[in-house]
């Protein structure tokens, strides 16, 4: 099992996939910051004073962590930040689902989409899969006893 779990190609493609997800998720938020601020407001979690600053900073965090994951730069920081973001996104969706709010997640597009309970469950499942991928990368970076594995990953194509 350990041989499969700490497989270099699997780790590389997982890192590349999660990085691309973060880069793609940031693009529409840069293009439509006001619409993204409205999406954040709909979650009803942050105080009004933090909504606009979050709408400005969050796309940058997604873009930077995504680029670093794709390029294999500063992996401990990029993986840690990615997991913090994924946990926050997943927690926000679960929290609103538990409150009975059907909101559009705004993950990859700020334009209004479907907001039924079924879609909320699909968002939670999708973000849960992303979080599992992030935790896989996290375990390879921080929990692996053989640190040469991840040190050599930046040399991978």
N, C-alpha and C. Protein backbone atom coordinates (compact mmCIF):
# COMPACT_ATOMS: atom_id res chain seq x y z
N UNK A 1 0.83 -1.20 0.00
CA UNK A 1 0.00 0.00 0.00
C UNK A 1 0.87 1.26 0.00
N UNK A 2 1.92 1.25 0.80
CA UNK A 2 2.80 2.42 0.88
C UNK A 2 3.46 2.68 -0.47
N UNK A 3 3.77 1.61 -1.19
CA UNK A 3 4.39 1.73 -2.50
C UNK A 3 3.46 2.48 -3.47
N UNK A 4 2.18 2.17 -3.40
CA UNK A 4 1.19 2.87 -4.24
C UNK A 4 0.99 4.30 -3.76
N UNK A 5 0.87 4.47 -2.45
CA UNK A 5 0.54 5.76 -1.88
C UNK A 5 1.64 6.80 -2.13
N UNK A 6 2.89 6.37 -2.07
CA UNK A 6 4.01 7.29 -2.26
C UNK A 6 4.64 7.13 -3.63
N UNK A 7 3.82 6.90 -4.63
CA UNK A 7 4.24 6.72 -6.00
C UNK A 7 4.56 8.09 -6.62
N UNK A 8 5.77 8.27 -7.17
CA UNK A 8 6.17 9.57 -7.71
C UNK A 8 5.29 10.06 -8.86
N UNK A 9 4.96 9.24 -9.85
CA UNK A 9 4.08 9.74 -10.92
C UNK A 9 2.68 10.10 -10.40
N UNK A 10 2.16 9.31 -9.48
CA UNK A 10 0.84 9.62 -8.91
C UNK A 10 0.88 10.95 -8.17
N UNK A 11 1.93 11.15 -7.40
CA UNK A 11 2.11 12.41 -6.67
C UNK A 11 2.23 13.57 -7.66
N UNK A 12 3.03 13.40 -8.71
CA UNK A 12 3.23 14.45 -9.71
C UNK A 12 1.91 14.84 -10.37
N UNK A 13 1.14 13.84 -10.82
CA UNK A 13 -0.12 14.13 -11.50
C UNK A 13 -1.17 14.69 -10.53
N UNK A 14 -1.15 14.26 -9.29
CA UNK A 14 -2.05 14.82 -8.29
C UNK A 14 -1.74 16.29 -8.03
N UNK A 15 -0.46 16.59 -7.94
CA UNK A 15 -0.02 17.97 -7.74
C UNK A 15 -0.39 18.84 -8.94
N UNK A 16 -0.18 18.30 -10.14
CA UNK A 16 -0.52 19.03 -11.36
C UNK A 16 -2.03 19.26 -11.45
N UNK A 17 -2.82 18.25 -11.17
CA UNK A 17 -4.28 18.37 -11.23
C UNK A 17 -4.80 19.40 -10.24
N UNK A 18 -4.36 19.32 -8.99
CA UNK A 18 -4.83 20.28 -8.00
C UNK A 18 -4.38 21.69 -8.34
N UNK A 19 -3.16 21.83 -8.84
CA UNK A 19 -2.69 23.15 -9.25
C UNK A 19 -3.53 23.74 -10.36
N UNK A 20 -3.85 22.93 -11.35
CA UNK A 20 -4.69 23.42 -12.46
C UNK A 20 -6.09 23.76 -11.98
N UNK A 21 -6.62 23.00 -11.05
CA UNK A 21 -7.95 23.30 -10.49
C UNK A 21 -7.93 24.68 -9.85
N UNK A 22 -6.89 24.96 -9.06
CA UNK A 22 -6.82 26.27 -8.41
C UNK A 22 -6.63 27.40 -9.41
N UNK A 23 -5.81 27.20 -10.43
CA UNK A 23 -5.61 28.24 -11.44
C UNK A 23 -6.93 28.50 -12.17
N UNK A 24 -7.61 27.45 -12.60
CA UNK A 24 -8.88 27.62 -13.31
C UNK A 24 -9.94 28.28 -12.43
N UNK A 25 -9.94 27.93 -11.14
CA UNK A 25 -10.94 28.50 -10.23
C UNK A 25 -10.72 30.00 -10.02
N UNK A 26 -9.49 30.46 -10.17
CA UNK A 26 -9.20 31.88 -9.91
C UNK A 26 -9.56 32.80 -11.07
N UNK A 27 -9.57 32.28 -12.27
CA UNK A 27 -9.68 33.14 -13.47
C UNK A 27 -10.96 33.97 -13.49
N UNK A 28 -12.11 33.36 -13.35
CA UNK A 28 -13.38 34.09 -13.42
C UNK A 28 -13.51 35.07 -12.25
N UNK A 29 -12.92 34.75 -11.13
CA UNK A 29 -12.98 35.64 -9.97
C UNK A 29 -12.19 36.91 -10.21
N UNK A 30 -11.11 36.82 -10.99
CA UNK A 30 -10.35 38.01 -11.37
C UNK A 30 -11.15 38.87 -12.34
N UNK A 31 -11.84 38.22 -13.25
CA UNK A 31 -12.58 38.93 -14.29
C UNK A 31 -13.82 39.63 -13.72
N UNK A 32 -14.47 39.00 -12.74
CA UNK A 32 -15.72 39.53 -12.17
C UNK A 32 -15.62 39.64 -10.65
N UNK A 33 -14.83 40.58 -10.13
CA UNK A 33 -14.67 40.67 -8.67
C UNK A 33 -15.96 41.06 -7.94
N UNK A 34 -16.77 41.89 -8.54
CA UNK A 34 -18.02 42.30 -7.87
C UNK A 34 -18.98 41.11 -7.77
N UNK A 35 -19.08 40.33 -8.82
CA UNK A 35 -19.94 39.14 -8.79
C UNK A 35 -19.41 38.12 -7.78
N UNK A 36 -18.07 38.01 -7.67
CA UNK A 36 -17.50 37.10 -6.70
C UNK A 36 -17.77 37.58 -5.28
N UNK A 37 -17.73 38.89 -5.07
CA UNK A 37 -18.07 39.44 -3.74
C UNK A 37 -19.52 39.10 -3.38
N UNK A 38 -20.39 39.12 -4.36
CA UNK A 38 -21.80 38.76 -4.11
C UNK A 38 -21.93 37.27 -3.75
N UNK A 39 -21.13 36.43 -4.41
CA UNK A 39 -21.13 35.00 -4.08
C UNK A 39 -20.69 34.81 -2.63
N UNK A 40 -19.64 35.51 -2.24
CA UNK A 40 -19.14 35.42 -0.86
C UNK A 40 -20.22 35.90 0.12
N UNK A 41 -20.89 36.98 -0.23
CA UNK A 41 -21.96 37.50 0.61
C UNK A 41 -23.08 36.47 0.81
N UNK A 42 -23.41 35.75 -0.26
CA UNK A 42 -24.49 34.76 -0.19
C UNK A 42 -24.20 33.62 0.77
N UNK A 43 -22.94 33.36 1.04
CA UNK A 43 -22.60 32.31 2.01
C UNK A 43 -23.00 32.69 3.43
N UNK A 44 -23.17 33.98 3.69
CA UNK A 44 -23.60 34.50 5.00
C UNK A 44 -22.72 33.99 6.15
N UNK A 45 -21.41 34.02 5.92
CA UNK A 45 -20.46 33.58 6.94
C UNK A 45 -19.60 34.74 7.41
N UNK A 46 -19.12 35.54 6.48
CA UNK A 46 -18.23 36.65 6.83
C UNK A 46 -19.01 37.92 7.15
N UNK A 47 -18.46 38.75 8.03
CA UNK A 47 -19.08 40.07 8.23
C UNK A 47 -18.93 40.91 6.96
N UNK A 48 -19.85 41.83 6.76
CA UNK A 48 -19.87 42.65 5.55
C UNK A 48 -18.54 43.36 5.30
N UNK A 49 -17.84 43.76 6.34
CA UNK A 49 -16.60 44.50 6.17
C UNK A 49 -15.48 43.64 5.56
N UNK A 50 -15.59 42.33 5.62
CA UNK A 50 -14.54 41.45 5.10
C UNK A 50 -14.85 40.89 3.71
N UNK A 51 -16.02 41.13 3.21
CA UNK A 51 -16.43 40.51 1.94
C UNK A 51 -15.60 41.02 0.76
N UNK A 52 -15.46 42.32 0.61
CA UNK A 52 -14.73 42.86 -0.54
C UNK A 52 -13.25 42.51 -0.50
N UNK A 53 -12.64 42.60 0.66
CA UNK A 53 -11.21 42.26 0.76
C UNK A 53 -10.99 40.78 0.48
N UNK A 54 -11.92 39.95 0.90
CA UNK A 54 -11.83 38.51 0.61
C UNK A 54 -11.98 38.27 -0.88
N UNK A 55 -12.88 39.00 -1.53
CA UNK A 55 -13.08 38.85 -2.98
C UNK A 55 -11.85 39.28 -3.77
N UNK A 56 -11.04 40.15 -3.19
CA UNK A 56 -9.82 40.59 -3.87
C UNK A 56 -8.66 39.64 -3.58
N UNK A 57 -8.52 39.20 -2.35
CA UNK A 57 -7.36 38.40 -1.95
C UNK A 57 -7.49 36.93 -2.34
N UNK A 58 -8.67 36.35 -2.21
CA UNK A 58 -8.85 34.92 -2.43
C UNK A 58 -8.44 34.46 -3.83
N UNK A 59 -8.79 35.16 -4.90
CA UNK A 59 -8.32 34.71 -6.22
C UNK A 59 -6.80 34.70 -6.34
N UNK A 60 -6.14 35.67 -5.71
CA UNK A 60 -4.68 35.69 -5.73
C UNK A 60 -4.09 34.48 -5.00
N UNK A 61 -4.68 34.13 -3.87
CA UNK A 61 -4.20 32.96 -3.12
C UNK A 61 -4.39 31.69 -3.95
N UNK A 62 -5.54 31.58 -4.61
CA UNK A 62 -5.79 30.41 -5.46
C UNK A 62 -4.80 30.36 -6.63
N UNK A 63 -4.60 31.49 -7.27
CA UNK A 63 -3.71 31.53 -8.43
C UNK A 63 -2.27 31.20 -8.04
N UNK A 64 -1.78 31.83 -6.99
CA UNK A 64 -0.40 31.62 -6.57
C UNK A 64 -0.17 30.18 -6.11
N UNK A 65 -1.07 29.66 -5.29
CA UNK A 65 -0.88 28.28 -4.84
C UNK A 65 -0.99 27.31 -6.01
N UNK A 66 -1.89 27.58 -6.94
CA UNK A 66 -2.03 26.73 -8.12
C UNK A 66 -0.78 26.74 -8.99
N UNK A 67 -0.25 27.91 -9.23
CA UNK A 67 0.98 28.02 -10.05
C UNK A 67 2.14 27.30 -9.36
N UNK A 68 2.28 27.51 -8.05
CA UNK A 68 3.37 26.85 -7.32
C UNK A 68 3.22 25.33 -7.34
N UNK A 69 1.98 24.84 -7.25
CA UNK A 69 1.77 23.39 -7.33
C UNK A 69 2.13 22.86 -8.71
N UNK A 70 1.72 23.56 -9.74
CA UNK A 70 2.02 23.12 -11.11
C UNK A 70 3.53 23.13 -11.36
N UNK A 71 4.20 24.18 -10.93
CA UNK A 71 5.63 24.31 -11.19
C UNK A 71 6.49 23.56 -10.18
N UNK A 72 5.91 23.11 -9.09
CA UNK A 72 6.68 22.40 -8.08
C UNK A 72 7.55 23.30 -7.23
N UNK A 73 7.14 24.56 -7.10
CA UNK A 73 7.90 25.54 -6.31
C UNK A 73 7.32 25.66 -4.91
N UNK A 74 8.17 25.79 -3.92
CA UNK A 74 7.77 25.99 -2.53
C UNK A 74 6.61 25.08 -2.15
N UNK A 75 6.79 23.81 -2.42
CA UNK A 75 5.70 22.84 -2.25
C UNK A 75 5.14 22.76 -0.84
N UNK A 76 5.95 22.77 0.21
CA UNK A 76 5.32 22.70 1.54
C UNK A 76 4.34 23.84 1.77
N UNK A 77 4.71 25.06 1.41
CA UNK A 77 3.81 26.20 1.58
C UNK A 77 2.61 26.13 0.66
N UNK A 78 2.84 25.75 -0.59
CA UNK A 78 1.74 25.68 -1.56
C UNK A 78 0.73 24.60 -1.17
N UNK A 79 1.23 23.46 -0.73
CA UNK A 79 0.33 22.38 -0.33
C UNK A 79 -0.41 22.75 0.95
N UNK A 80 0.28 23.36 1.88
CA UNK A 80 -0.37 23.77 3.13
C UNK A 80 -1.47 24.81 2.85
N UNK A 81 -1.15 25.84 2.05
CA UNK A 81 -2.14 26.86 1.71
C UNK A 81 -3.31 26.25 0.94
N UNK A 82 -3.04 25.38 0.01
CA UNK A 82 -4.10 24.74 -0.76
C UNK A 82 -5.04 23.96 0.15
N UNK A 83 -4.48 23.25 1.11
CA UNK A 83 -5.32 22.48 2.04
C UNK A 83 -6.13 23.40 2.95
N UNK A 84 -5.56 24.51 3.37
CA UNK A 84 -6.34 25.48 4.16
C UNK A 84 -7.52 26.01 3.35
N UNK A 85 -7.26 26.37 2.10
CA UNK A 85 -8.34 26.86 1.24
C UNK A 85 -9.39 25.79 0.99
N UNK A 86 -8.95 24.58 0.69
CA UNK A 86 -9.90 23.50 0.44
C UNK A 86 -10.75 23.18 1.66
N UNK A 87 -10.12 23.19 2.84
CA UNK A 87 -10.87 22.94 4.07
C UNK A 87 -11.89 24.05 4.32
N UNK A 88 -11.51 25.29 4.04
CA UNK A 88 -12.43 26.41 4.22
C UNK A 88 -13.60 26.32 3.23
N UNK A 89 -13.30 25.98 1.97
CA UNK A 89 -14.36 25.86 0.97
C UNK A 89 -15.31 24.72 1.34
N UNK A 90 -14.75 23.57 1.68
CA UNK A 90 -15.55 22.41 2.04
C UNK A 90 -16.39 22.71 3.27
N UNK A 91 -15.77 23.31 4.28
CA UNK A 91 -16.50 23.64 5.51
C UNK A 91 -17.62 24.63 5.27
N UNK A 92 -17.39 25.61 4.41
CA UNK A 92 -18.42 26.60 4.09
C UNK A 92 -19.62 25.96 3.41
N UNK A 93 -19.35 25.05 2.49
CA UNK A 93 -20.45 24.36 1.81
C UNK A 93 -21.24 23.48 2.77
N UNK A 94 -20.53 22.71 3.60
CA UNK A 94 -21.21 21.84 4.56
C UNK A 94 -22.01 22.66 5.56
N UNK A 95 -21.43 23.76 6.03
CA UNK A 95 -22.11 24.63 6.99
C UNK A 95 -23.41 25.18 6.41
N UNK A 96 -23.37 25.64 5.16
CA UNK A 96 -24.58 26.18 4.54
C UNK A 96 -25.58 25.09 4.19
N UNK A 97 -25.10 23.92 3.85
CA UNK A 97 -26.00 22.80 3.61
C UNK A 97 -26.72 22.43 4.90
N UNK A 98 -25.99 22.42 6.01
CA UNK A 98 -26.59 22.10 7.32
C UNK A 98 -27.60 23.17 7.74
N UNK A 99 -27.37 24.41 7.34
CA UNK A 99 -28.32 25.49 7.66
C UNK A 99 -29.51 25.52 6.72
N UNK A 100 -29.47 24.69 5.68
CA UNK A 100 -30.58 24.64 4.74
C UNK A 100 -30.53 25.71 3.68
N UNK A 101 -29.38 26.37 3.52
CA UNK A 101 -29.24 27.40 2.49
C UNK A 101 -28.79 26.75 1.19
N UNK A 102 -29.51 27.02 0.13
CA UNK A 102 -29.13 26.54 -1.19
C UNK A 102 -28.50 27.70 -1.94
N UNK A 103 -27.18 27.70 -1.97
CA UNK A 103 -26.46 28.80 -2.61
C UNK A 103 -25.65 28.25 -3.78
N UNK A 104 -25.34 29.13 -4.70
CA UNK A 104 -24.45 28.77 -5.79
C UNK A 104 -23.03 28.91 -5.25
N UNK A 105 -22.21 27.89 -5.46
CA UNK A 105 -20.89 27.87 -4.81
C UNK A 105 -19.95 28.92 -5.37
N UNK A 106 -19.99 29.26 -6.64
CA UNK A 106 -19.09 30.25 -7.20
C UNK A 106 -17.67 29.76 -7.33
N UNK A 107 -17.46 28.47 -7.34
CA UNK A 107 -16.11 27.91 -7.33
C UNK A 107 -15.35 28.17 -8.63
N UNK A 108 -15.98 27.96 -9.76
CA UNK A 108 -15.30 28.12 -11.04
C UNK A 108 -15.92 29.21 -11.90
N UNK A 109 -17.08 29.68 -11.53
CA UNK A 109 -17.75 30.73 -12.27
C UNK A 109 -18.56 31.57 -11.29
N UNK A 110 -18.54 32.88 -11.50
CA UNK A 110 -19.29 33.76 -10.61
C UNK A 110 -20.71 34.00 -11.11
N UNK A 111 -21.03 33.57 -12.34
CA UNK A 111 -22.39 33.74 -12.83
C UNK A 111 -23.29 32.75 -12.13
N UNK A 112 -24.49 33.19 -11.85
CA UNK A 112 -25.43 32.36 -11.10
C UNK A 112 -25.67 31.03 -11.80
N UNK A 113 -25.67 29.99 -11.01
CA UNK A 113 -25.95 28.65 -11.50
C UNK A 113 -27.09 28.05 -10.70
N UNK A 114 -27.21 26.76 -10.79
CA UNK A 114 -28.27 26.05 -10.08
C UNK A 114 -28.02 26.10 -8.57
N UNK A 115 -29.10 26.20 -7.81
CA UNK A 115 -28.97 26.33 -6.36
C UNK A 115 -29.88 25.36 -5.60
N UNK A 116 -30.14 24.21 -6.13
CA UNK A 116 -30.99 23.26 -5.41
C UNK A 116 -30.15 22.49 -4.39
N UNK A 117 -30.83 21.80 -3.51
CA UNK A 117 -30.15 20.99 -2.51
C UNK A 117 -29.31 19.90 -3.17
N UNK A 118 -29.80 19.35 -4.28
CA UNK A 118 -29.04 18.34 -5.01
C UNK A 118 -27.69 18.90 -5.46
N UNK A 119 -27.70 20.12 -5.98
CA UNK A 119 -26.45 20.74 -6.42
C UNK A 119 -25.53 21.01 -5.22
N UNK A 120 -26.10 21.38 -4.10
CA UNK A 120 -25.28 21.59 -2.90
C UNK A 120 -24.56 20.30 -2.52
N UNK A 121 -25.27 19.18 -2.58
CA UNK A 121 -24.64 17.90 -2.28
C UNK A 121 -23.54 17.58 -3.29
N UNK A 122 -23.77 17.88 -4.56
CA UNK A 122 -22.76 17.64 -5.58
C UNK A 122 -21.53 18.52 -5.35
N UNK A 123 -21.76 19.78 -4.95
CA UNK A 123 -20.62 20.66 -4.63
C UNK A 123 -19.81 20.10 -3.47
N UNK A 124 -20.51 19.60 -2.45
CA UNK A 124 -19.83 19.04 -1.27
C UNK A 124 -19.03 17.80 -1.68
N UNK A 125 -19.61 16.94 -2.50
CA UNK A 125 -18.88 15.75 -2.95
C UNK A 125 -17.66 16.14 -3.77
N UNK A 126 -17.84 17.06 -4.70
CA UNK A 126 -16.72 17.51 -5.53
C UNK A 126 -15.61 18.12 -4.68
N UNK A 127 -15.97 19.02 -3.77
CA UNK A 127 -14.96 19.65 -2.93
C UNK A 127 -14.35 18.64 -1.96
N UNK A 128 -15.11 17.64 -1.56
CA UNK A 128 -14.56 16.58 -0.72
C UNK A 128 -13.49 15.79 -1.46
N UNK A 129 -13.71 15.54 -2.74
CA UNK A 129 -12.71 14.85 -3.56
C UNK A 129 -11.47 15.71 -3.71
N UNK A 130 -11.66 17.01 -3.94
CA UNK A 130 -10.52 17.92 -4.02
C UNK A 130 -9.74 17.93 -2.70
N UNK A 131 -10.47 17.93 -1.59
CA UNK A 131 -9.82 17.93 -0.27
C UNK A 131 -9.05 16.64 -0.05
N UNK A 132 -9.59 15.52 -0.48
CA UNK A 132 -8.86 14.25 -0.36
C UNK A 132 -7.57 14.29 -1.18
N UNK A 133 -7.64 14.87 -2.36
CA UNK A 133 -6.43 15.02 -3.18
C UNK A 133 -5.42 15.91 -2.47
N UNK A 134 -5.90 17.00 -1.89
CA UNK A 134 -5.00 17.89 -1.13
C UNK A 134 -4.38 17.19 0.06
N UNK A 135 -5.16 16.38 0.75
CA UNK A 135 -4.63 15.64 1.90
C UNK A 135 -3.62 14.59 1.46
N UNK A 136 -3.82 14.00 0.29
CA UNK A 136 -2.83 13.07 -0.26
C UNK A 136 -1.50 13.79 -0.47
N UNK A 137 -1.55 14.96 -1.08
CA UNK A 137 -0.33 15.74 -1.30
C UNK A 137 0.29 16.16 0.03
N UNK A 138 -0.56 16.56 0.97
CA UNK A 138 -0.09 16.97 2.29
C UNK A 138 0.66 15.82 2.98
N UNK A 139 0.11 14.63 2.91
CA UNK A 139 0.75 13.49 3.56
C UNK A 139 2.08 13.16 2.89
N UNK A 140 2.16 13.35 1.59
CA UNK A 140 3.42 13.10 0.89
C UNK A 140 4.48 14.14 1.24
N UNK A 141 4.06 15.35 1.52
CA UNK A 141 5.01 16.41 1.86
C UNK A 141 5.41 16.34 3.33
N UNK A 142 4.44 16.23 4.22
CA UNK A 142 4.70 16.41 5.64
C UNK A 142 4.79 15.12 6.46
N UNK A 143 4.19 14.04 6.00
CA UNK A 143 4.17 12.83 6.80
C UNK A 143 5.10 11.74 6.31
N UNK A 144 5.63 11.88 5.14
CA UNK A 144 6.53 10.88 4.59
C UNK A 144 7.87 10.92 5.32
N UNK A 145 8.32 9.77 5.72
CA UNK A 145 9.59 9.69 6.43
C UNK A 145 10.77 9.93 5.51
N UNK A 146 10.64 9.53 4.25
CA UNK A 146 11.71 9.69 3.27
C UNK A 146 11.56 11.06 2.60
N UNK A 147 12.16 12.09 3.18
CA UNK A 147 12.02 13.45 2.67
C UNK A 147 12.68 13.63 1.31
N UNK A 148 13.55 12.72 0.93
CA UNK A 148 14.20 12.80 -0.39
C UNK A 148 13.16 12.62 -1.49
N UNK A 149 12.07 11.96 -1.20
CA UNK A 149 11.01 11.75 -2.19
C UNK A 149 10.47 13.09 -2.69
N UNK A 150 10.06 13.95 -1.77
CA UNK A 150 9.48 15.22 -2.18
C UNK A 150 10.54 16.23 -2.58
N UNK A 151 11.74 16.10 -2.04
CA UNK A 151 12.81 17.01 -2.45
C UNK A 151 13.15 16.77 -3.91
N UNK A 152 13.11 15.54 -4.36
CA UNK A 152 13.42 15.21 -5.74
C UNK A 152 12.27 15.46 -6.69
N UNK A 153 11.10 15.77 -6.18
CA UNK A 153 9.94 15.95 -7.05
C UNK A 153 10.05 17.19 -7.91
N UNK A 154 10.78 18.21 -7.45
CA UNK A 154 10.87 19.40 -8.28
C UNK A 154 11.70 19.15 -9.53
N UNK A 155 12.45 18.04 -9.56
CA UNK A 155 13.21 17.69 -10.75
C UNK A 155 12.38 16.92 -11.76
N UNK A 156 11.17 16.51 -11.36
CA UNK A 156 10.29 15.75 -12.24
C UNK A 156 9.75 16.66 -13.34
N UNK A 157 9.52 16.13 -14.52
CA UNK A 157 8.93 16.96 -15.59
C UNK A 157 7.47 17.24 -15.32
